[in-house]
Amino acid sequence: MRAQTLDLSLLRTLVAIADTGSVTAAARRLAYTQSTVSMQLSRLEASLGVVLHEKEGRRIRFSAEGERLLGHARRLLALNDEALTDMRSKRVTGELNLGIPEDYASLLTSVFSWFYQLYPDVSLQVICGTSVDLVERVRDGELDLALVTRQRRSPGGEVIRREPLAWAVGLERQPPLSDPLPLALYSPGADLFREVAEQALAEAGRDWRVAYTSQSMAGLGPVVQAGLAIVVVTRSMLGPQLRALDEASGLPPLPTIELALHRAARRPTEPARRLAELIREELSPSEAG
């Protein structure tokens, strides 16, 4: 006897009808016409020799056989998708070097998790540093990719996200906002934030002093949380122990910065291309500000 197999495309239509409740909604989800969805449901019933559904107005109600098949369909489709992901991921191997400032690493938590699940055979190394240094390392071929703050000393790259800057203080404590303002600043040359803060205060005629310096928020954060200084951050860097100051604080407004993805000049490796796609998907849709 010739073996028979279920058509997964017909099962996918069945699941779409069950999830949306109607042929019309299922057609929208699958990008089919309503007649195509109805025809596929009829084909599935004919191939099995059973009645899977009946209409209740515009909605579909599954028979007992339809409900039984729906359970099988969900498991078969899940196994199909798992097999595709597994086989595709195993074809991607190699080494990949990504550069990113330490303060931006948290933006890519989901990206790192997905990348590992999809491409477990890729050896990913993450190197932290200043934006300027990381761009130089990409140009020298030491890094495949770098996600950095775009600035005059590190122009170019693909703009992935724009984020407004903000003055921030501790959630429960803050210093006096009178001159000279105590600032927690990045070390000279570490990033654009220090330059932006100094320029904004100078243009506003405000006096300030450097209270603390560090290469990253890991060093500046505790000082700001203790109420000893003010810091410039992106909105995504605020965290639960910091709060942004609004216009009522009297501090001058700050500009929006651009996060840019730089890629090595050589032809990108497959791992680099896949990671760039994930970064773009994760950061681009939810532009801040």
C-alpha atoms as a PDB file:
ATOM      1  CA  MET A   1       0.000   0.000   0.000  1.00  0.00           C
ATOM      2  CA  ARG A   2       1.378   3.393  -0.969  1.00  0.00           C
ATOM      3  CA  ALA A   3       2.259   5.552   2.040  1.00  0.00           C
ATOM      4  CA  GLN A   4       0.331   8.811   2.383  1.00  0.00           C
ATOM      5  CA  THR A   5       1.573  12.044   3.901  1.00  0.00           C
ATOM      6  CA  LEU A   6      -0.236  15.085   5.228  1.00  0.00           C
ATOM      7  CA  ASP A   7       0.290  18.352   3.371  1.00  0.00           C
ATOM      8  CA  LEU A   8       1.859  20.774   5.869  1.00  0.00           C
ATOM      9  CA  SER A   9       0.595  23.798   3.951  1.00  0.00           C
ATOM     10  CA  LEU A  10      -2.978  22.547   4.426  1.00  0.00           C
ATOM     11  CA  LEU A  11      -2.329  21.945   8.121  1.00  0.00           C
ATOM     12  CA  ARG A  12      -0.925  25.483   8.442  1.00  0.00           C
ATOM     13  CA  THR A  13      -4.176  26.802   6.975  1.00  0.00           C
ATOM     14  CA  LEU A  14      -6.160  24.720   9.470  1.00  0.00           C
ATOM     15  CA  VAL A  15      -4.187  26.178  12.388  1.00  0.00           C
ATOM     16  CA  ALA A  16      -4.600  29.718  11.046  1.00  0.00           C
ATOM     17  CA  ILE A  17      -8.383  29.265  10.913  1.00  0.00           C
ATOM     18  CA  ALA A  18      -8.398  27.940  14.470  1.00  0.00           C
ATOM     19  CA  ASP A  19      -6.242  30.805  15.753  1.00  0.00           C
ATOM     20  CA  THR A  20      -8.179  33.590  14.015  1.00  0.00           C
ATOM     21  CA  GLY A  21     -11.694  32.106  14.147  1.00  0.00           C
ATOM     22  CA  SER A  22     -12.697  32.706  10.538  1.00  0.00           C
ATOM     23  CA  VAL A  23     -11.719  32.129   6.932  1.00  0.00           C
ATOM     24  CA  THR A  24     -11.479  35.870   6.343  1.00  0.00           C
ATOM     25  CA  ALA A  25      -9.030  36.460   9.196  1.00  0.00           C
ATOM     26  CA  ALA A  26      -6.997  33.378   8.277  1.00  0.00           C
ATOM     27  CA  ALA A  27      -6.700  34.652   4.706  1.00  0.00           C
ATOM     28  CA  ARG A  28      -5.295  37.951   5.997  1.00  0.00           C
ATOM     29  CA  ARG A  29      -2.747  36.149   8.180  1.00  0.00           C
ATOM     30  CA  LEU A  30      -1.591  33.829   5.388  1.00  0.00           C
ATOM     31  CA  ALA A  31      -1.777  36.457   2.613  1.00  0.00           C
ATOM     32  CA  TYR A  32      -4.202  34.212   0.697  1.00  0.00           C
ATOM     33  CA  THR A  33      -7.585  34.932  -0.841  1.00  0.00           C
ATOM     34  CA  GLN A  34     -10.638  33.730   1.086  1.00  0.00           C
ATOM     35  CA  SER A  35     -11.447  31.287  -1.695  1.00  0.00           C
ATOM     36  CA  THR A  36      -7.958  29.766  -1.430  1.00  0.00           C
ATOM     37  CA  VAL A  37      -8.371  29.202   2.308  1.00  0.00           C
ATOM     38  CA  SER A  38     -11.792  27.598   1.803  1.00  0.00           C
ATOM     39  CA  MET A  39     -10.435  25.421  -1.004  1.00  0.00           C
ATOM     40  CA  GLN A  40      -7.493  24.232   1.108  1.00  0.00           C
ATOM     41  CA  LEU A  41      -9.802  23.329   3.990  1.00  0.00           C
ATOM     42  CA  SER A  42     -11.979  21.337   1.586  1.00  0.00           C
ATOM     43  CA  ARG A  43      -8.910  19.600   0.134  1.00  0.00           C
ATOM     44  CA  LEU A  44      -7.806  18.591   3.633  1.00  0.00           C
ATOM     45  CA  GLU A  45     -11.239  17.130   4.410  1.00  0.00           C
ATOM     46  CA  ALA A  46     -11.312  15.275   1.093  1.00  0.00           C
ATOM     47  CA  SER A  47      -7.850  13.785   1.619  1.00  0.00           C
ATOM     48  CA  LEU A  48      -8.838  12.455   5.049  1.00  0.00           C
ATOM     49  CA  GLY A  49     -12.443  11.537   4.236  1.00  0.00           C
ATOM     50  CA  VAL A  50     -13.847  13.338   7.272  1.00  0.00           C
ATOM     51  CA  VAL A  51     -15.766  16.525   8.018  1.00  0.00           C
ATOM     52  CA  LEU A  52     -13.549  18.876   9.999  1.00  0.00           C
ATOM     53  CA  HIS A  53     -15.779  21.904  10.424  1.00  0.00           C
ATOM     54  CA  GLU A  54     -19.142  23.568  10.135  1.00  0.00           C
ATOM     55  CA  LYS A  55     -20.019  27.242   9.751  1.00  0.00           C
ATOM     56  CA  GLU A  56     -21.697  29.365  12.422  1.00  0.00           C
ATOM     57  CA  GLY A  57     -22.369  32.613  10.608  1.00  0.00           C
ATOM     58  CA  ARG A  58     -18.986  33.979   9.586  1.00  0.00           C
ATOM     59  CA  ARG A  59     -17.122  31.894  12.124  1.00  0.00           C
ATOM     60  CA  ILE A  60     -15.862  28.315  11.901  1.00  0.00           C
ATOM     61  CA  ARG A  61     -16.597  25.627  14.483  1.00  0.00           C
ATOM     62  CA  PHE A  62     -14.490  22.481  14.347  1.00  0.00           C
ATOM     63  CA  SER A  63     -15.987  19.022  14.660  1.00  0.00           C
ATOM     64  CA  ALA A  64     -14.561  16.465  17.067  1.00  0.00           C
ATOM     65  CA  GLU A  65     -12.393  15.141  14.204  1.00  0.00           C
ATOM     66  CA  GLY A  66     -11.279  18.694  13.425  1.00  0.00           C
ATOM     67  CA  GLU A  67     -10.194  19.285  17.022  1.00  0.00           C
ATOM     68  CA  ARG A  68      -8.245  16.006  17.035  1.00  0.00           C
ATOM     69  CA  LEU A  69      -6.489  16.899  13.802  1.00  0.00           C
ATOM     70  CA  LEU A  70      -5.727  20.400  15.086  1.00  0.00           C
ATOM     71  CA  GLY A  71      -3.683  18.953  17.944  1.00  0.00           C
ATOM     72  CA  HIS A  72      -1.681  16.812  15.523  1.00  0.00           C
ATOM     73  CA  ALA A  73      -1.255  19.771  13.161  1.00  0.00           C
ATOM     74  CA  ARG A  74       0.249  22.022  15.818  1.00  0.00           C
ATOM     75  CA  ARG A  75       2.783  19.359  16.815  1.00  0.00           C
ATOM     76  CA  LEU A  76       3.741  18.581  13.209  1.00  0.00           C
ATOM     77  CA  LEU A  77       4.201  22.248  12.309  1.00  0.00           C
ATOM     78  CA  ALA A  78       6.257  22.895  15.449  1.00  0.00           C
ATOM     79  CA  LEU A  79       8.482  19.923  14.608  1.00  0.00           C
ATOM     80  CA  ASN A  80       8.819  21.147  11.013  1.00  0.00           C
ATOM     81  CA  ASP A  81       9.863  24.640  12.154  1.00  0.00           C
ATOM     82  CA  GLU A  82      12.281  23.186  14.703  1.00  0.00           C
ATOM     83  CA  ALA A  83      13.889  20.991  12.028  1.00  0.00           C
ATOM     84  CA  LEU A  84      14.293  23.922   9.625  1.00  0.00           C
ATOM     85  CA  THR A  85      15.874  26.117  12.309  1.00  0.00           C
ATOM     86  CA  ASP A  86      18.186  23.301  13.389  1.00  0.00           C
ATOM     87  CA  MET A  87      19.391  22.474   9.891  1.00  0.00           C
ATOM     88  CA  ARG A  88      19.856  26.084   8.862  1.00  0.00           C
ATOM     89  CA  SER A  89      21.715  26.989  12.031  1.00  0.00           C
ATOM     90  CA  LYS A  90      24.184  24.129  11.653  1.00  0.00           C
ATOM     91  CA  ARG A  91      25.228  25.455   8.272  1.00  0.00           C
ATOM     92  CA  VAL A  92      26.546  28.652   9.873  1.00  0.00           C
ATOM     93  CA  THR A  93      29.937  28.178  11.533  1.00  0.00           C
ATOM     94  CA  GLY A  94      33.066  30.202  12.176  1.00  0.00           C
ATOM     95  CA  GLU A  95      34.356  32.978  14.406  1.00  0.00           C
ATOM     96  CA  LEU A  96      32.857  36.449  14.845  1.00  0.00           C
ATOM     97  CA  ASN A  97      34.254  39.518  16.651  1.00  0.00           C
ATOM     98  CA  LEU A  98      31.821  42.248  17.709  1.00  0.00           C
ATOM     99  CA  GLY A  99      32.867  45.554  19.260  1.00  0.00           C
ATOM    100  CA  ILE A 100      30.518  47.570  21.470  1.00  0.00           C
ATOM    101  CA  PRO A 101      30.888  50.180  24.234  1.00  0.00           C
ATOM    102  CA  GLU A 102      30.218  48.585  27.604  1.00  0.00           C
ATOM    103  CA  ASP A 103      27.212  50.832  28.234  1.00  0.00           C
ATOM    104  CA  TYR A 104      25.427  49.613  25.106  1.00  0.00           C
ATOM    105  CA  ALA A 105      25.922  45.899  25.732  1.00  0.00           C
ATOM    106  CA  SER A 106      22.588  45.610  27.569  1.00  0.00           C
ATOM    107  CA  LEU A 107      20.791  46.687  24.389  1.00  0.00           C
ATOM    108  CA  LEU A 108      21.858  43.418  22.776  1.00  0.00           C
ATOM    109  CA  THR A 109      20.846  40.955  25.509  1.00  0.00           C
ATOM    110  CA  SER A 110      18.050  39.488  23.383  1.00  0.00           C
ATOM    111  CA  VAL A 111      20.237  39.518  20.287  1.00  0.00           C
ATOM    112  CA  PHE A 112      22.968  37.498  22.001  1.00  0.00           C
ATOM    113  CA  SER A 113      20.414  34.991  23.289  1.00  0.00           C
ATOM    114  CA  TRP A 114      18.784  34.494  19.874  1.00  0.00           C
ATOM    115  CA  PHE A 115      22.117  34.333  18.065  1.00  0.00           C
ATOM    116  CA  TYR A 116      23.350  31.551  20.343  1.00  0.00           C
ATOM    117  CA  GLN A 117      20.126  29.577  19.891  1.00  0.00           C
ATOM    118  CA  LEU A 118      20.128  29.954  16.105  1.00  0.00           C
ATOM    119  CA  TYR A 119      23.855  29.565  15.470  1.00  0.00           C
ATOM    120  CA  PRO A 120      25.389  27.516  18.305  1.00  0.00           C
ATOM    121  CA  ASP A 121      28.416  26.588  16.190  1.00  0.00           C
ATOM    122  CA  VAL A 122      29.555  30.209  15.792  1.00  0.00           C
ATOM    123  CA  SER A 123      32.212  31.412  18.241  1.00  0.00           C
ATOM    124  CA  LEU A 124      31.161  34.963  19.157  1.00  0.00           C
ATOM    125  CA  GLN A 125      33.640  37.240  20.930  1.00  0.00           C
ATOM    126  CA  VAL A 126      32.424  40.602  22.271  1.00  0.00           C
ATOM    127  CA  ILE A 127      35.060  43.304  22.752  1.00  0.00           C
ATOM    128  CA  CYS A 128      34.215  46.430  24.748  1.00  0.00           C
ATOM    129  CA  GLY A 129      35.911  49.775  24.212  1.00  0.00           C
ATOM    130  CA  THR A 130      35.327  53.386  23.236  1.00  0.00           C
ATOM    131  CA  SER A 131      33.434  54.154  20.052  1.00  0.00           C
ATOM    132  CA  VAL A 132      36.447  55.793  18.398  1.00  0.00           C
ATOM    133  CA  ASP A 133      38.776  52.891  19.172  1.00  0.00           C
ATOM    134  CA  LEU A 134      36.255  50.273  18.048  1.00  0.00           C
ATOM    135  CA  VAL A 135      35.695  51.943  14.684  1.00  0.00           C
ATOM    136  CA  GLU A 136      39.460  52.016  14.155  1.00  0.00           C
ATOM    137  CA  ARG A 137      39.647  48.306  14.907  1.00  0.00           C
ATOM    138  CA  VAL A 138      36.913  47.616  12.359  1.00  0.00           C
ATOM    139  CA  ARG A 139      38.839  49.611   9.746  1.00  0.00           C
ATOM    140  CA  ASP A 140      42.015  47.695  10.599  1.00  0.00           C
ATOM    141  CA  GLY A 141      40.188  44.394  10.120  1.00  0.00           C
ATOM    142  CA  GLU A 142      40.449  43.330  13.769  1.00  0.00           C
ATOM    143  CA  LEU A 143      36.659  43.381  14.244  1.00  0.00           C
ATOM    144  CA  ASP A 144      33.875  42.146  11.971  1.00  0.00           C
ATOM    145  CA  LEU A 145      31.245  44.508  13.401  1.00  0.00           C
ATOM    146  CA  ALA A 146      30.996  47.366  15.877  1.00  0.00           C
ATOM    147  CA  LEU A 147      27.900  49.085  17.274  1.00  0.00           C
ATOM    148  CA  VAL A 148      29.018  52.546  18.422  1.00  0.00           C
ATOM    149  CA  THR A 149      28.058  56.167  18.961  1.00  0.00           C
ATOM    150  CA  ARG A 150      28.446  58.049  15.695  1.00  0.00           C
ATOM    151  CA  GLN A 151      30.575  61.170  16.134  1.00  0.00           C
ATOM    152  CA  ARG A 152      33.043  63.362  14.265  1.00  0.00           C
ATOM    153  CA  ARG A 153      35.980  61.102  15.096  1.00  0.00           C
ATOM    154  CA  SER A 154      34.083  57.949  14.090  1.00  0.00           C
ATOM    155  CA  PRO A 155      31.794  58.899  11.175  1.00  0.00           C
ATOM    156  CA  GLY A 156      30.102  56.534   8.772  1.00  0.00           C
ATOM    157  CA  GLY A 157      28.378  53.260   9.466  1.00  0.00           C
ATOM    158  CA  GLU A 158      24.708  52.358   9.194  1.00  0.00           C
ATOM    159  CA  VAL A 159      22.484  54.296  11.597  1.00  0.00           C
ATOM    160  CA  ILE A 160      20.580  51.654  13.557  1.00  0.00           C
ATOM    161  CA  ARG A 161      18.929  53.743  16.247  1.00  0.00           C
ATOM    162  CA  ARG A 162      18.570  57.324  17.472  1.00  0.00           C
ATOM    163  CA  GLU A 163      18.331  58.071  21.189  1.00  0.00           C
ATOM    164  CA  PRO A 164      17.825  61.358  23.043  1.00  0.00           C
ATOM    165  CA  LEU A 165      20.335  62.232  25.728  1.00  0.00           C
ATOM    166  CA  ALA A 166      19.216  63.275  29.205  1.00  0.00           C
ATOM    167  CA  TRP A 167      20.636  64.694  32.424  1.00  0.00           C
ATOM    168  CA  ALA A 168      20.195  62.096  35.163  1.00  0.00           C
ATOM    169  CA  VAL A 169      20.481  61.954  38.952  1.00  0.00           C
ATOM    170  CA  GLY A 170      19.966  59.286  41.585  1.00  0.00           C
ATOM    171  CA  LEU A 171      16.463  57.961  42.048  1.00  0.00           C
ATOM    172  CA  GLU A 172      16.329  59.010  45.702  1.00  0.00           C
ATOM    173  CA  ARG A 173      19.209  61.494  45.996  1.00  0.00           C
ATOM    174  CA  GLN A 174      20.536  64.327  43.875  1.00  0.00           C
ATOM    175  CA  PRO A 175      23.073  67.132  44.282  1.00  0.00           C
ATOM    176  CA  PRO A 176      22.101  70.823  44.290  1.00  0.00           C
ATOM    177  CA  LEU A 177      21.462  72.065  40.762  1.00  0.00           C
ATOM    178  CA  SER A 178      23.197  75.376  41.408  1.00  0.00           C
ATOM    179  CA  ASP A 179      26.531  76.413  39.887  1.00  0.00           C
ATOM    180  CA  PRO A 180      29.060  74.976  39.786  1.00  0.00           C
ATOM    181  CA  LEU A 181      27.233  71.792  38.798  1.00  0.00           C
ATOM    182  CA  PRO A 182      28.990  68.606  39.946  1.00  0.00           C
ATOM    183  CA  LEU A 183      29.291  66.354  36.902  1.00  0.00           C
ATOM    184  CA  ALA A 184      30.104  62.676  36.578  1.00  0.00           C
ATOM    185  CA  LEU A 185      31.765  62.530  33.178  1.00  0.00           C
ATOM    186  CA  TYR A 186      33.304  59.961  30.928  1.00  0.00           C
ATOM    187  CA  SER A 187      37.074  60.102  30.776  1.00  0.00           C
ATOM    188  CA  PRO A 188      38.490  62.438  28.111  1.00  0.00           C
ATOM    189  CA  GLY A 189      38.240  60.781  24.703  1.00  0.00           C
ATOM    190  CA  ALA A 190      36.043  57.973  26.045  1.00  0.00           C
ATOM    191  CA  ASP A 191      32.838  59.078  24.354  1.00  0.00           C
ATOM    192  CA  LEU A 192      30.722  61.857  22.878  1.00  0.00           C
ATOM    193  CA  PHE A 193      28.717  62.354  26.081  1.00  0.00           C
ATOM    194  CA  ARG A 194      31.360  64.453  27.834  1.00  0.00           C
ATOM    195  CA  GLU A 195      31.764  66.742  24.831  1.00  0.00           C
ATOM    196  CA  VAL A 196      27.997  67.198  24.527  1.00  0.00           C
ATOM    197  CA  ALA A 197      27.593  68.024  28.228  1.00  0.00           C
ATOM    198  CA  GLU A 198      30.392  70.594  28.233  1.00  0.00           C
ATOM    199  CA  GLN A 199      29.120  72.279  25.064  1.00  0.00           C
ATOM    200  CA  ALA A 200      25.501  72.480  26.285  1.00  0.00           C
ATOM    201  CA  LEU A 201      26.508  74.032  29.614  1.00  0.00           C
ATOM    202  CA  ALA A 202      28.908  76.495  27.970  1.00  0.00           C
ATOM    203  CA  GLU A 203      26.220  77.670  25.554  1.00  0.00           C
ATOM    204  CA  ALA A 204      23.782  78.085  28.466  1.00  0.00           C
ATOM    205  CA  GLY A 205      26.328  80.085  30.481  1.00  0.00           C
ATOM    206  CA  ARG A 206      26.341  77.555  33.305  1.00  0.00           C
ATOM    207  CA  ASP A 207      29.366  76.852  35.492  1.00  0.00           C
ATOM    208  CA  TRP A 208      30.343  73.279  36.309  1.00  0.00           C
ATOM    209  CA  ARG A 209      33.073  71.141  37.817  1.00  0.00           C
ATOM    210  CA  VAL A 210      34.230  67.602  37.192  1.00  0.00           C
ATOM    211  CA  ALA A 211      33.290  65.621  40.270  1.00  0.00           C
ATOM    212  CA  TYR A 212      34.065  62.105  38.984  1.00  0.00           C
ATOM    213  CA  THR A 213      35.316  60.461  35.811  1.00  0.00           C
ATOM    214  CA  SER A 214      35.157  56.908  34.493  1.00  0.00           C
ATOM    215  CA  GLN A 215      35.291  54.981  31.225  1.00  0.00           C
ATOM    216  CA  SER A 216      31.734  53.670  31.700  1.00  0.00           C
ATOM    217  CA  MET A 217      28.511  53.907  33.689  1.00  0.00           C
ATOM    218  CA  ALA A 218      29.712  51.016  35.827  1.00  0.00           C
ATOM    219  CA  GLY A 219      32.043  53.536  37.468  1.00  0.00           C
ATOM    220  CA  LEU A 220      29.816  56.601  37.293  1.00  0.00           C
ATOM    221  CA  GLY A 221      26.537  54.957  38.349  1.00  0.00           C
ATOM    222  CA  PRO A 222      27.196  54.469  42.097  1.00  0.00           C
ATOM    223  CA  VAL A 223      28.386  58.066  42.460  1.00  0.00           C
ATOM    224  CA  VAL A 224      25.289  59.425  40.743  1.00  0.00           C
ATOM    225  CA  GLN A 225      22.978  57.109  42.712  1.00  0.00           C
ATOM    226  CA  ALA A 226      24.515  58.437  45.927  1.00  0.00           C
ATOM    227  CA  GLY A 227      23.439  61.959  44.974  1.00  0.00           C
ATOM    228  CA  LEU A 228      26.964  63.299  44.491  1.00  0.00           C
ATOM    229  CA  ALA A 229      26.868  64.214  40.800  1.00  0.00           C
ATOM    230  CA  ILE A 230      24.827  64.609  37.609  1.00  0.00           C
ATOM    231  CA  VAL A 231      25.454  62.428  34.550  1.00  0.00           C
ATOM    232  CA  VAL A 232      24.514  62.446  30.858  1.00  0.00           C
ATOM    233  CA  VAL A 233      22.948  59.195  29.605  1.00  0.00           C
ATOM    234  CA  THR A 234      20.714  57.864  26.863  1.00  0.00           C
ATOM    235  CA  ARG A 235      17.177  56.978  27.907  1.00  0.00           C
ATOM    236  CA  SER A 236      17.957  53.268  27.577  1.00  0.00           C
ATOM    237  CA  MET A 237      20.831  53.623  30.066  1.00  0.00           C
ATOM    238  CA  LEU A 238      18.766  55.102  32.897  1.00  0.00           C
ATOM    239  CA  GLY A 239      18.146  51.878  34.809  1.00  0.00           C
ATOM    240  CA  PRO A 240      16.035  51.535  37.970  1.00  0.00           C
ATOM    241  CA  GLN A 241      18.347  53.598  40.222  1.00  0.00           C
ATOM    242  CA  LEU A 242      18.478  56.729  38.052  1.00  0.00           C
ATOM    243  CA  ARG A 243      15.905  59.266  36.924  1.00  0.00           C
ATOM    244  CA  ALA A 244      15.980  61.833  34.156  1.00  0.00           C
ATOM    245  CA  LEU A 245      15.670  65.540  34.932  1.00  0.00           C
ATOM    246  CA  ASP A 246      13.011  67.449  33.022  1.00  0.00           C
ATOM    247  CA  GLU A 247      13.031  71.027  31.706  1.00  0.00           C
ATOM    248  CA  ALA A 248      11.974  72.344  35.111  1.00  0.00           C
ATOM    249  CA  SER A 249      15.457  71.510  36.404  1.00  0.00           C
ATOM    250  CA  GLY A 250      16.850  74.522  34.549  1.00  0.00           C
ATOM    251  CA  LEU A 251      19.510  72.461  32.794  1.00  0.00           C
ATOM    252  CA  PRO A 252      19.949  73.020  29.045  1.00  0.00           C
ATOM    253  CA  PRO A 253      18.413  70.566  26.549  1.00  0.00           C
ATOM    254  CA  LEU A 254      20.618  67.855  25.082  1.00  0.00           C
ATOM    255  CA  PRO A 255      20.695  66.529  21.511  1.00  0.00           C
ATOM    256  CA  THR A 256      19.853  63.108  20.117  1.00  0.00           C
ATOM    257  CA  ILE A 257      22.721  60.746  19.318  1.00  0.00           C
ATOM    258  CA  GLU A 258      22.968  58.094  16.625  1.00  0.00           C
ATOM    259  CA  LEU A 259      23.988  54.484  17.158  1.00  0.00           C
ATOM    260  CA  ALA A 260      25.747  53.204  14.047  1.00  0.00           C
ATOM    261  CA  LEU A 261      26.728  49.720  12.950  1.00  0.00           C
ATOM    262  CA  HIS A 262      30.161  49.547  11.313  1.00  0.00           C
ATOM    263  CA  ARG A 263      31.232  46.555   9.238  1.00  0.00           C
ATOM    264  CA  ALA A 264      34.681  45.527   8.059  1.00  0.00           C
ATOM    265  CA  ALA A 265      35.511  46.513   4.469  1.00  0.00           C
ATOM    266  CA  ARG A 266      36.075  42.901   3.429  1.00  0.00           C
ATOM    267  CA  ARG A 267      33.158  40.800   2.289  1.00  0.00           C
ATOM    268  CA  PRO A 268      31.114  39.984   5.400  1.00  0.00           C
ATOM    269  CA  THR A 269      31.218  36.438   6.678  1.00  0.00           C
ATOM    270  CA  GLU A 270      27.925  34.590   7.026  1.00  0.00           C
ATOM    271  CA  PRO A 271      28.000  34.881  10.854  1.00  0.00           C
ATOM    272  CA  ALA A 272      28.600  38.650  10.560  1.00  0.00           C
ATOM    273  CA  ARG A 273      25.720  39.038   8.139  1.00  0.00           C
ATOM    274  CA  ARG A 274      23.345  37.066  10.377  1.00  0.00           C
ATOM    275  CA  LEU A 275      24.321  39.018  13.506  1.00  0.00           C
ATOM    276  CA  ALA A 276      23.916  42.352  11.694  1.00  0.00           C
ATOM    277  CA  GLU A 277      20.397  41.299  10.681  1.00  0.00           C
ATOM    278  CA  LEU A 278      19.476  40.444  14.272  1.00  0.00           C
ATOM    279  CA  ILE A 279      20.879  43.741  15.584  1.00  0.00           C
ATOM    280  CA  ARG A 280      18.927  45.676  12.972  1.00  0.00           C
ATOM    281  CA  GLU A 281      15.701  43.811  13.754  1.00  0.00           C
ATOM    282  CA  GLU A 282      16.103  44.314  17.507  1.00  0.00           C
ATOM    283  CA  LEU A 283      17.040  47.991  17.579  1.00  0.00           C
ATOM    284  CA  SER A 284      15.571  49.619  14.470  1.00  0.00           C
ATOM    285  CA  PRO A 285      11.788  49.176  14.968  1.00  0.00           C
ATOM    286  CA  SER A 286      11.648  50.948  18.352  1.00  0.00           C
ATOM    287  CA  GLU A 287      13.511  54.151  17.709  1.00  0.00           C
ATOM    288  CA  ALA A 288      13.532  56.291  20.806  1.00  0.00           C
ATOM    289  CA  GLY A 289      12.447  59.888  20.920  1.00  0.00           C
END
